[in-house]
Amino acid sequence: MDPVRTSSSSSDVVLALACPDRGGIVHAVSGFVWERAGLIRESQQYADPTSGRFFMRVNASLHQPLPLDELREEFSLIGDRFNMSWTLTDSADRPRVAILVSKLGHCLNDLLYRVSTGQLRVEVALVVSNHADLGALVRSHGIPFIHVPITPDSKPRAEARLMELLDEYRADFVVLARYMQVLSDAVCAQLSGRIINIHHSFLPSFKGGRPYNQAHERGVKLVGATAHYVTADLDEGPIIEQEVIRVDHHLEPADLVVAGRDAEMLALARAVRWHAEQRILLNGHRTVVFR
């Protein structure tokens, strides 16, 4: 999977970067835009005193379209000077996303609706599931649905097939929309920084089976959800977004399920949008999110 595809030219670009904090970074970036007869439409930056790193996202309009490859080659001189990790993309790009799902369809359905109405500027390349239940929903949107069943014995073959599909459909990133399978360390490493997961997170937290029943028994007042990047440490990846919904003693376990799923949909949709718009930068085990 190549996370950055080239296009012919662009007059509206997004530059996102991270590097060790030092003087002259903003001057160099703004000068790069100015020298190309560009205007900065939006600029956000953050210097983290803990890590000593600087983060920046700039949306710029150029006087005339310029080849993206040429812009990237020219900016690489600045990137090298400041030891940056950076991306430069066309702001009109619609990244291709692969969605993985099992049987629960609320997050999938919400994402498909948001894409169809233009709320999410992504292209759903395909949906992969270890169950066939949601095939009709996906196909009704004109999106390829591929059933890749998984058993303990077939998991290595299934993951190999998954990676083949991501390459075949040119997916830029992956979303686990309640995909109830633990990915191997090797897959997590290959997709590092390009795979987003959603899971329930209660305050206090309840793990294992029937979490909503556990929450009901404890009389929780809040239910929530966390969207995060996937790492080999299960559910411990850098957090992108969290949503919390207040509940009370009137709600039964089934009501908590509904509230929790609402939280999951909101948190995941925001995370997908921010990732697609190059608004998330990794800061060690944390993220910087320019909303």
C-alpha atoms as a PDB file:
ATOM      1  CA  MET A   1       0.000   0.000   0.000  1.00  0.00           C
ATOM      2  CA  ASP A   2       1.297   3.414  -0.998  1.00  0.00           C
ATOM      3  CA  PRO A   3      -0.216   6.016   1.375  1.00  0.00           C
ATOM      4  CA  VAL A   4       0.613   8.934  -0.943  1.00  0.00           C
ATOM      5  CA  ARG A   5      -0.395   8.686  -4.605  1.00  0.00           C
ATOM      6  CA  THR A   6       0.777  11.323  -7.020  1.00  0.00           C
ATOM      7  CA  SER A   7      -1.524  13.432  -9.155  1.00  0.00           C
ATOM      8  CA  SER A   8      -0.727  15.694 -12.079  1.00  0.00           C
ATOM      9  CA  SER A   9      -0.928  19.119 -10.466  1.00  0.00           C
ATOM     10  CA  SER A  10      -2.680  21.099  -7.770  1.00  0.00           C
ATOM     11  CA  SER A  11      -3.455  24.702  -6.869  1.00  0.00           C
ATOM     12  CA  ASP A  12      -4.731  23.906  -3.363  1.00  0.00           C
ATOM     13  CA  VAL A  13      -2.475  21.826  -1.129  1.00  0.00           C
ATOM     14  CA  VAL A  14      -2.208  20.589   2.435  1.00  0.00           C
ATOM     15  CA  LEU A  15       1.187  20.341   4.093  1.00  0.00           C
ATOM     16  CA  ALA A  16       1.460  18.479   7.393  1.00  0.00           C
ATOM     17  CA  LEU A  17       4.770  18.098   9.200  1.00  0.00           C
ATOM     18  CA  ALA A  18       6.484  17.104  12.423  1.00  0.00           C
ATOM     19  CA  CYS A  19      10.093  17.715  13.417  1.00  0.00           C
ATOM     20  CA  PRO A  20      12.368  18.645  16.326  1.00  0.00           C
ATOM     21  CA  ASP A  21      11.433  22.100  17.551  1.00  0.00           C
ATOM     22  CA  ARG A  22      13.820  24.886  16.573  1.00  0.00           C
ATOM     23  CA  GLY A  23      13.747  28.393  15.191  1.00  0.00           C
ATOM     24  CA  GLY A  24      12.992  29.165  11.564  1.00  0.00           C
ATOM     25  CA  ILE A  25      10.446  26.428  10.779  1.00  0.00           C
ATOM     26  CA  VAL A  26       7.418  28.684  10.281  1.00  0.00           C
ATOM     27  CA  HIS A  27       9.521  31.135   8.277  1.00  0.00           C
ATOM     28  CA  ALA A  28      10.741  28.377   5.983  1.00  0.00           C
ATOM     29  CA  VAL A  29       7.258  26.962   5.402  1.00  0.00           C
ATOM     30  CA  SER A  30       5.588  30.316   4.799  1.00  0.00           C
ATOM     31  CA  GLY A  31       8.460  31.328   2.535  1.00  0.00           C
ATOM     32  CA  PHE A  32       8.015  28.158   0.498  1.00  0.00           C
ATOM     33  CA  VAL A  33       4.370  29.081  -0.100  1.00  0.00           C
ATOM     34  CA  TRP A  34       5.090  32.768  -0.799  1.00  0.00           C
ATOM     35  CA  GLU A  35       7.819  31.964  -3.337  1.00  0.00           C
ATOM     36  CA  ARG A  36       5.231  30.030  -5.366  1.00  0.00           C
ATOM     37  CA  ALA A  37       2.738  32.901  -5.368  1.00  0.00           C
ATOM     38  CA  GLY A  38       0.655  31.124  -2.784  1.00  0.00           C
ATOM     39  CA  LEU A  39      -1.663  32.219  -0.009  1.00  0.00           C
ATOM     40  CA  ILE A  40      -1.949  30.426   3.321  1.00  0.00           C
ATOM     41  CA  ARG A  41      -5.656  29.797   3.914  1.00  0.00           C
ATOM     42  CA  GLU A  42      -5.302  27.924   7.196  1.00  0.00           C
ATOM     43  CA  SER A  43      -2.336  27.335   9.488  1.00  0.00           C
ATOM     44  CA  GLN A  44      -2.149  25.479  12.768  1.00  0.00           C
ATOM     45  CA  GLN A  45       0.933  24.672  14.813  1.00  0.00           C
ATOM     46  CA  TYR A  46       1.947  23.239  18.160  1.00  0.00           C
ATOM     47  CA  ALA A  47       5.269  22.996  19.955  1.00  0.00           C
ATOM     48  CA  ASP A  48       5.238  20.207  22.543  1.00  0.00           C
ATOM     49  CA  PRO A  49       7.461  21.151  25.500  1.00  0.00           C
ATOM     50  CA  THR A  50       7.543  17.532  26.709  1.00  0.00           C
ATOM     51  CA  SER A  51       8.784  15.837  23.557  1.00  0.00           C
ATOM     52  CA  GLY A  52      10.543  18.886  22.127  1.00  0.00           C
ATOM     53  CA  ARG A  53       8.800  18.378  18.797  1.00  0.00           C
ATOM     54  CA  PHE A  54       7.022  20.842  16.540  1.00  0.00           C
ATOM     55  CA  PHE A  55       3.852  20.086  14.571  1.00  0.00           C
ATOM     56  CA  MET A  56       2.244  22.086  11.787  1.00  0.00           C
ATOM     57  CA  ARG A  57      -0.562  21.839   9.246  1.00  0.00           C
ATOM     58  CA  VAL A  58      -0.952  24.373   6.445  1.00  0.00           C
ATOM     59  CA  ASN A  59      -3.612  24.684   3.755  1.00  0.00           C
ATOM     60  CA  ALA A  60      -2.344  26.865   0.931  1.00  0.00           C
ATOM     61  CA  SER A  61      -3.715  28.071  -2.404  1.00  0.00           C
ATOM     62  CA  LEU A  62      -1.265  28.619  -5.249  1.00  0.00           C
ATOM     63  CA  HIS A  63      -1.696  31.230  -7.969  1.00  0.00           C
ATOM     64  CA  GLN A  64      -1.507  28.502 -10.610  1.00  0.00           C
ATOM     65  CA  PRO A  65      -1.532  24.702 -10.484  1.00  0.00           C
ATOM     66  CA  LEU A  66       1.874  23.111 -10.040  1.00  0.00           C
ATOM     67  CA  PRO A  67       2.852  19.443 -10.321  1.00  0.00           C
ATOM     68  CA  LEU A  68       2.685  17.784  -6.911  1.00  0.00           C
ATOM     69  CA  ASP A  69       5.825  15.753  -7.584  1.00  0.00           C
ATOM     70  CA  GLU A  70       7.686  18.982  -8.325  1.00  0.00           C
ATOM     71  CA  LEU A  71       6.371  20.629  -5.144  1.00  0.00           C
ATOM     72  CA  ARG A  72       7.377  17.622  -3.056  1.00  0.00           C
ATOM     73  CA  GLU A  73      10.855  17.525  -4.533  1.00  0.00           C
ATOM     74  CA  GLU A  74      11.340  21.211  -3.797  1.00  0.00           C
ATOM     75  CA  PHE A  75       9.966  20.980  -0.267  1.00  0.00           C
ATOM     76  CA  SER A  76      12.188  17.982   0.492  1.00  0.00           C
ATOM     77  CA  LEU A  77      15.120  20.416   0.803  1.00  0.00           C
ATOM     78  CA  ILE A  78      13.323  22.118   3.697  1.00  0.00           C
ATOM     79  CA  GLY A  79      12.248  18.779   5.103  1.00  0.00           C
ATOM     80  CA  ASP A  80      15.823  17.522   5.146  1.00  0.00           C
ATOM     81  CA  ARG A  81      17.120  20.751   6.694  1.00  0.00           C
ATOM     82  CA  PHE A  82      14.761  20.503   9.655  1.00  0.00           C
ATOM     83  CA  ASN A  83      14.680  16.683   9.870  1.00  0.00           C
ATOM     84  CA  MET A  84      10.937  16.649   9.158  1.00  0.00           C
ATOM     85  CA  SER A  85       8.488  13.868   8.583  1.00  0.00           C
ATOM     86  CA  TRP A  86       5.923  15.420   6.256  1.00  0.00           C
ATOM     87  CA  THR A  87       3.205  14.948   3.662  1.00  0.00           C
ATOM     88  CA  LEU A  88       2.125  17.291   0.884  1.00  0.00           C
ATOM     89  CA  THR A  89      -1.183  16.449  -0.771  1.00  0.00           C
ATOM     90  CA  ASP A  90      -3.900  17.933  -2.941  1.00  0.00           C
ATOM     91  CA  SER A  91      -6.637  19.185  -0.625  1.00  0.00           C
ATOM     92  CA  ALA A  92      -9.231  17.793  -3.051  1.00  0.00           C
ATOM     93  CA  ASP A  93      -7.865  14.255  -2.754  1.00  0.00           C
ATOM     94  CA  ARG A  94     -10.275  11.613  -1.518  1.00  0.00           C
ATOM     95  CA  PRO A  95      -8.133   8.945   0.167  1.00  0.00           C
ATOM     96  CA  ARG A  96      -9.181   5.361  -0.481  1.00  0.00           C
ATOM     97  CA  VAL A  97     -10.234   3.529   2.662  1.00  0.00           C
ATOM     98  CA  ALA A  98     -10.769  -0.170   3.286  1.00  0.00           C
ATOM     99  CA  ILE A  99     -13.333  -0.918   5.996  1.00  0.00           C
ATOM    100  CA  LEU A 100     -13.145  -4.144   7.997  1.00  0.00           C
ATOM    101  CA  VAL A 101     -16.276  -5.288   9.811  1.00  0.00           C
ATOM    102  CA  SER A 102     -17.782  -8.364  11.439  1.00  0.00           C
ATOM    103  CA  LYS A 103     -21.495  -8.641  12.293  1.00  0.00           C
ATOM    104  CA  LEU A 104     -22.302  -5.319  13.983  1.00  0.00           C
ATOM    105  CA  GLY A 105     -23.133  -2.804  11.282  1.00  0.00           C
ATOM    106  CA  HIS A 106     -23.808   0.494  13.064  1.00  0.00           C
ATOM    107  CA  CYS A 107     -20.367   2.036  12.490  1.00  0.00           C
ATOM    108  CA  LEU A 108     -20.186   0.729   8.929  1.00  0.00           C
ATOM    109  CA  ASN A 109     -23.640   2.047   8.091  1.00  0.00           C
ATOM    110  CA  ASP A 110     -22.821   5.446   9.583  1.00  0.00           C
ATOM    111  CA  LEU A 111     -19.582   5.745   7.608  1.00  0.00           C
ATOM    112  CA  LEU A 112     -21.267   4.721   4.346  1.00  0.00           C
ATOM    113  CA  TYR A 113     -24.013   7.285   4.902  1.00  0.00           C
ATOM    114  CA  ARG A 114     -21.542  10.060   5.657  1.00  0.00           C
ATOM    115  CA  VAL A 115     -19.535   9.220   2.533  1.00  0.00           C
ATOM    116  CA  SER A 116     -22.669   9.120   0.350  1.00  0.00           C
ATOM    117  CA  THR A 117     -23.764  12.551   1.608  1.00  0.00           C
ATOM    118  CA  GLY A 118     -20.335  14.158   1.259  1.00  0.00           C
ATOM    119  CA  GLN A 119     -19.718  14.540   4.994  1.00  0.00           C
ATOM    120  CA  LEU A 120     -16.639  12.326   4.706  1.00  0.00           C
ATOM    121  CA  ARG A 121     -14.308  13.120   1.823  1.00  0.00           C
ATOM    122  CA  VAL A 122     -13.039   9.590   1.327  1.00  0.00           C
ATOM    123  CA  GLU A 123     -13.600   6.875  -1.232  1.00  0.00           C
ATOM    124  CA  VAL A 124     -14.527   3.490   0.195  1.00  0.00           C
ATOM    125  CA  ALA A 125     -12.418   1.135  -1.888  1.00  0.00           C
ATOM    126  CA  LEU A 126     -13.882  -2.051  -0.420  1.00  0.00           C
ATOM    127  CA  VAL A 127     -15.357  -3.633   2.671  1.00  0.00           C
ATOM    128  CA  VAL A 128     -13.902  -6.880   4.021  1.00  0.00           C
ATOM    129  CA  SER A 129     -15.664  -9.030   6.601  1.00  0.00           C
ATOM    130  CA  ASN A 130     -15.149 -12.349   8.317  1.00  0.00           C
ATOM    131  CA  HIS A 131     -18.934 -12.815   8.111  1.00  0.00           C
ATOM    132  CA  ALA A 132     -21.324 -12.464   5.177  1.00  0.00           C
ATOM    133  CA  ASP A 133     -24.103 -10.683   7.092  1.00  0.00           C
ATOM    134  CA  LEU A 134     -23.484  -7.116   5.873  1.00  0.00           C
ATOM    135  CA  GLY A 135     -22.898  -7.875   2.212  1.00  0.00           C
ATOM    136  CA  ALA A 136     -26.301  -6.588   1.044  1.00  0.00           C
ATOM    137  CA  LEU A 137     -25.829  -3.261   2.845  1.00  0.00           C
ATOM    138  CA  VAL A 138     -22.414  -2.684   1.302  1.00  0.00           C
ATOM    139  CA  ARG A 139     -23.427  -3.696  -2.216  1.00  0.00           C
ATOM    140  CA  SER A 140     -26.436  -1.346  -2.053  1.00  0.00           C
ATOM    141  CA  HIS A 141     -23.861   1.484  -2.002  1.00  0.00           C
ATOM    142  CA  GLY A 142     -22.099   0.064  -5.060  1.00  0.00           C
ATOM    143  CA  ILE A 143     -19.027  -0.898  -3.026  1.00  0.00           C
ATOM    144  CA  PRO A 144     -17.191  -4.228  -3.325  1.00  0.00           C
ATOM    145  CA  PHE A 145     -17.860  -6.582  -0.396  1.00  0.00           C
ATOM    146  CA  ILE A 146     -15.436  -9.438   0.129  1.00  0.00           C
ATOM    147  CA  HIS A 147     -16.035 -12.231   2.614  1.00  0.00           C
ATOM    148  CA  VAL A 148     -12.818 -13.569   4.126  1.00  0.00           C
ATOM    149  CA  PRO A 149     -13.791 -16.132   6.792  1.00  0.00           C
ATOM    150  CA  ILE A 150     -11.369 -16.712   9.636  1.00  0.00           C
ATOM    151  CA  THR A 151     -10.753 -19.696  11.876  1.00  0.00           C
ATOM    152  CA  PRO A 152      -7.809 -20.215  14.231  1.00  0.00           C
ATOM    153  CA  ASP A 153      -6.192 -22.473  11.632  1.00  0.00           C
ATOM    154  CA  SER A 154      -6.889 -20.192   8.649  1.00  0.00           C
ATOM    155  CA  LYS A 155      -5.951 -16.867  10.251  1.00  0.00           C
ATOM    156  CA  PRO A 156      -2.474 -16.581   8.650  1.00  0.00           C
ATOM    157  CA  ARG A 157      -3.959 -17.267   5.198  1.00  0.00           C
ATOM    158  CA  ALA A 158      -6.829 -14.862   5.854  1.00  0.00           C
ATOM    159  CA  GLU A 159      -4.447 -12.063   6.836  1.00  0.00           C
ATOM    160  CA  ALA A 160      -2.325 -12.723   3.754  1.00  0.00           C
ATOM    161  CA  ARG A 161      -5.483 -12.439   1.653  1.00  0.00           C
ATOM    162  CA  LEU A 162      -6.401  -9.213   3.428  1.00  0.00           C
ATOM    163  CA  MET A 163      -3.053  -7.628   2.609  1.00  0.00           C
ATOM    164  CA  GLU A 164      -3.423  -8.743  -1.018  1.00  0.00           C
ATOM    165  CA  LEU A 165      -6.824  -7.045  -1.180  1.00  0.00           C
ATOM    166  CA  LEU A 166      -5.483  -3.801   0.274  1.00  0.00           C
ATOM    167  CA  ASP A 167      -2.850  -3.718  -2.457  1.00  0.00           C
ATOM    168  CA  GLU A 168      -5.273  -4.763  -5.196  1.00  0.00           C
ATOM    169  CA  TYR A 169      -7.801  -2.065  -4.297  1.00  0.00           C
ATOM    170  CA  ARG A 170      -5.101   0.557  -3.588  1.00  0.00           C
ATOM    171  CA  ALA A 171      -6.320   1.354  -0.086  1.00  0.00           C
ATOM    172  CA  ASP A 172      -4.560   4.304   1.554  1.00  0.00           C
ATOM    173  CA  PHE A 173      -5.731   3.439   5.052  1.00  0.00           C
ATOM    174  CA  VAL A 174      -7.890   0.948   6.943  1.00  0.00           C
ATOM    175  CA  VAL A 175     -10.779   1.359   9.381  1.00  0.00           C
ATOM    176  CA  LEU A 176     -11.843  -1.369  11.797  1.00  0.00           C
ATOM    177  CA  ALA A 177     -15.568  -0.671  12.136  1.00  0.00           C
ATOM    178  CA  ARG A 178     -16.190  -3.153  14.944  1.00  0.00           C
ATOM    179  CA  TYR A 179     -14.039  -5.843  13.333  1.00  0.00           C
ATOM    180  CA  MET A 180     -13.976  -8.521  15.990  1.00  0.00           C
ATOM    181  CA  GLN A 181     -10.618 -10.060  15.134  1.00  0.00           C
ATOM    182  CA  VAL A 182      -7.218  -9.340  16.669  1.00  0.00           C
ATOM    183  CA  LEU A 183      -4.718  -8.549  13.946  1.00  0.00           C
ATOM    184  CA  SER A 184      -1.255 -10.060  14.092  1.00  0.00           C
ATOM    185  CA  ASP A 185       1.776  -8.010  15.100  1.00  0.00           C
ATOM    186  CA  ALA A 186       3.076  -8.268  11.531  1.00  0.00           C
ATOM    187  CA  VAL A 187      -0.079  -6.729  10.026  1.00  0.00           C
ATOM    188  CA  CYS A 188      -0.120  -3.983  12.674  1.00  0.00           C
ATOM    189  CA  ALA A 189       3.481  -3.141  11.840  1.00  0.00           C
ATOM    190  CA  GLN A 190       2.840  -3.020   8.083  1.00  0.00           C
ATOM    191  CA  LEU A 191      -0.145  -0.713   8.563  1.00  0.00           C
ATOM    192  CA  SER A 192       1.386   1.449  11.297  1.00  0.00           C
ATOM    193  CA  GLY A 193      -0.195   4.903  11.342  1.00  0.00           C
ATOM    194  CA  ARG A 194      -2.728   3.885   8.687  1.00  0.00           C
ATOM    195  CA  ILE A 195      -5.225   1.755  10.587  1.00  0.00           C
ATOM    196  CA  ILE A 196      -7.934   3.100  12.905  1.00  0.00           C
ATOM    197  CA  ASN A 197      -9.993   1.131  15.422  1.00  0.00           C
ATOM    198  CA  ILE A 198     -13.067   1.932  17.515  1.00  0.00           C
ATOM    199  CA  HIS A 199     -13.973   0.319  20.825  1.00  0.00           C
ATOM    200  CA  HIS A 200     -16.204   1.044  23.782  1.00  0.00           C
ATOM    201  CA  SER A 201     -14.548   2.639  26.783  1.00  0.00           C
ATOM    202  CA  PHE A 202     -16.458   3.039  30.004  1.00  0.00           C
ATOM    203  CA  LEU A 203     -15.667   5.164  33.014  1.00  0.00           C
ATOM    204  CA  PRO A 204     -14.898   2.938  34.908  1.00  0.00           C
ATOM    205  CA  SER A 205     -13.779   0.485  32.237  1.00  0.00           C
ATOM    206  CA  PHE A 206     -15.320  -2.949  31.836  1.00  0.00           C
ATOM    207  CA  LYS A 207     -13.520  -5.651  29.913  1.00  0.00           C
ATOM    208  CA  GLY A 208     -14.498  -9.103  28.769  1.00  0.00           C
ATOM    209  CA  GLY A 209     -17.965 -10.363  27.911  1.00  0.00           C
ATOM    210  CA  ARG A 210     -21.202  -8.364  28.245  1.00  0.00           C
ATOM    211  CA  PRO A 211     -19.580  -5.010  29.123  1.00  0.00           C
ATOM    212  CA  TYR A 212     -22.880  -3.126  29.047  1.00  0.00           C
ATOM    213  CA  ASN A 213     -24.379  -5.504  31.590  1.00  0.00           C
ATOM    214  CA  GLN A 214     -21.345  -4.974  33.811  1.00  0.00           C
ATOM    215  CA  ALA A 215     -21.761  -1.226  33.426  1.00  0.00           C
ATOM    216  CA  HIS A 216     -25.439  -1.433  34.318  1.00  0.00           C
ATOM    217  CA  GLU A 217     -24.674  -3.437  37.430  1.00  0.00           C
ATOM    218  CA  ARG A 218     -22.194  -0.762  38.557  1.00  0.00           C
ATOM    219  CA  GLY A 219     -24.631   2.059  37.840  1.00  0.00           C
ATOM    220  CA  VAL A 220     -22.376   4.034  35.524  1.00  0.00           C
ATOM    221  CA  LYS A 221     -23.231   7.636  34.723  1.00  0.00           C
ATOM    222  CA  LEU A 222     -21.115   7.853  31.572  1.00  0.00           C
ATOM    223  CA  VAL A 223     -20.577   5.588  28.596  1.00  0.00           C
ATOM    224  CA  GLY A 224     -18.092   6.314  25.878  1.00  0.00           C
ATOM    225  CA  ALA A 225     -15.995   5.202  22.941  1.00  0.00           C
ATOM    226  CA  THR A 226     -12.392   5.628  21.837  1.00  0.00           C
ATOM    227  CA  ALA A 227     -11.009   5.830  18.293  1.00  0.00           C
ATOM    228  CA  HIS A 228      -7.302   5.091  18.102  1.00  0.00           C
ATOM    229  CA  TYR A 229      -4.530   3.939  15.818  1.00  0.00           C
ATOM    230  CA  VAL A 230      -3.889   0.218  15.950  1.00  0.00           C
ATOM    231  CA  THR A 231      -0.637  -1.140  17.333  1.00  0.00           C
ATOM    232  CA  ALA A 232       0.511  -4.582  18.416  1.00  0.00           C
ATOM    233  CA  ASP A 233      -0.533  -3.649  21.979  1.00  0.00           C
ATOM    234  CA  LEU A 234      -4.243  -4.447  21.925  1.00  0.00           C
ATOM    235  CA  ASP A 235      -6.380  -1.286  22.306  1.00  0.00           C
ATOM    236  CA  GLU A 236      -3.322   0.661  23.493  1.00  0.00           C
ATOM    237  CA  GLY A 237      -2.547   2.616  20.326  1.00  0.00           C
ATOM    238  CA  PRO A 238      -2.382   6.432  20.127  1.00  0.00           C
ATOM    239  CA  ILE A 239      -5.807   7.914  20.875  1.00  0.00           C
ATOM    240  CA  ILE A 240      -7.368  10.070  18.162  1.00  0.00           C
ATOM    241  CA  GLU A 241     -10.805  10.895  19.550  1.00  0.00           C
ATOM    242  CA  GLN A 242     -13.096  10.012  22.442  1.00  0.00           C
ATOM    243  CA  GLU A 243     -16.828  10.546  22.841  1.00  0.00           C
ATOM    244  CA  VAL A 244     -18.745  10.404  26.116  1.00  0.00           C
ATOM    245  CA  ILE A 245     -22.508  10.272  26.646  1.00  0.00           C
ATOM    246  CA  ARG A 246     -24.147  10.858  30.026  1.00  0.00           C
ATOM    247  CA  VAL A 247     -26.595   8.181  31.210  1.00  0.00           C
ATOM    248  CA  ASP A 248     -28.576   7.575  34.395  1.00  0.00           C
ATOM    249  CA  HIS A 249     -30.327   4.941  36.488  1.00  0.00           C
ATOM    250  CA  HIS A 250     -33.377   4.764  34.195  1.00  0.00           C
ATOM    251  CA  LEU A 251     -31.439   3.013  31.446  1.00  0.00           C
ATOM    252  CA  GLU A 252     -31.402  -0.750  31.105  1.00  0.00           C
ATOM    253  CA  PRO A 253     -28.455  -2.640  29.539  1.00  0.00           C
ATOM    254  CA  ALA A 254     -30.102  -2.484  26.100  1.00  0.00           C
ATOM    255  CA  ASP A 255     -30.376   1.303  26.426  1.00  0.00           C
ATOM    256  CA  LEU A 256     -26.696   1.528  27.330  1.00  0.00           C
ATOM    257  CA  VAL A 257     -25.881  -0.460  24.204  1.00  0.00           C
ATOM    258  CA  VAL A 258     -27.715   2.125  22.097  1.00  0.00           C
ATOM    259  CA  ALA A 259     -25.946   5.022  23.811  1.00  0.00           C
ATOM    260  CA  GLY A 260     -22.589   3.298  23.484  1.00  0.00           C
ATOM    261  CA  ARG A 261     -23.055   2.655  19.791  1.00  0.00           C
ATOM    262  CA  ASP A 262     -23.975   6.302  19.234  1.00  0.00           C
ATOM    263  CA  ALA A 263     -20.686   7.251  20.902  1.00  0.00           C
ATOM    264  CA  GLU A 264     -18.781   4.769  18.761  1.00  0.00           C
ATOM    265  CA  MET A 265     -20.205   6.163  15.536  1.00  0.00           C
ATOM    266  CA  LEU A 266     -19.408   9.780  16.443  1.00  0.00           C
ATOM    267  CA  ALA A 267     -15.850   9.108  17.598  1.00  0.00           C
ATOM    268  CA  LEU A 268     -15.017   6.927  14.607  1.00  0.00           C
ATOM    269  CA  ALA A 269     -16.445   9.327  12.020  1.00  0.00           C
ATOM    270  CA  ARG A 270     -14.389  12.208  13.416  1.00  0.00           C
ATOM    271  CA  ALA A 271     -11.225  10.119  13.476  1.00  0.00           C
ATOM    272  CA  VAL A 272     -11.695   9.012   9.869  1.00  0.00           C
ATOM    273  CA  ARG A 273     -12.353  12.576   8.695  1.00  0.00           C
ATOM    274  CA  TRP A 274      -9.357  14.009  10.531  1.00  0.00           C
ATOM    275  CA  HIS A 275      -7.068  11.278   9.208  1.00  0.00           C
ATOM    276  CA  ALA A 276      -8.296  11.790   5.642  1.00  0.00           C
ATOM    277  CA  GLU A 277      -7.702  15.550   5.910  1.00  0.00           C
ATOM    278  CA  GLN A 278      -4.144  15.118   7.240  1.00  0.00           C
ATOM    279  CA  ARG A 279      -5.126  16.637  10.588  1.00  0.00           C
ATOM    280  CA  ILE A 280      -3.515  13.972  12.809  1.00  0.00           C
ATOM    281  CA  LEU A 281       0.193  13.832  13.581  1.00  0.00           C
ATOM    282  CA  LEU A 282       1.771  11.163  15.758  1.00  0.00           C
ATOM    283  CA  ASN A 283       3.627  12.351  18.833  1.00  0.00           C
ATOM    284  CA  GLY A 284       5.114   9.192  20.295  1.00  0.00           C
ATOM    285  CA  HIS A 285       2.269   7.306  21.971  1.00  0.00           C
ATOM    286  CA  ARG A 286       0.003  10.348  21.635  1.00  0.00           C
ATOM    287  CA  THR A 287      -1.478  12.348  18.775  1.00  0.00           C
ATOM    288  CA  VAL A 288      -1.665  15.992  17.831  1.00  0.00           C
ATOM    289  CA  VAL A 289      -5.025  16.670  16.180  1.00  0.00           C
ATOM    290  CA  PHE A 290      -5.540  19.947  14.306  1.00  0.00           C
ATOM    291  CA  ARG A 291      -9.342  20.120  14.187  1.00  0.00           C
END
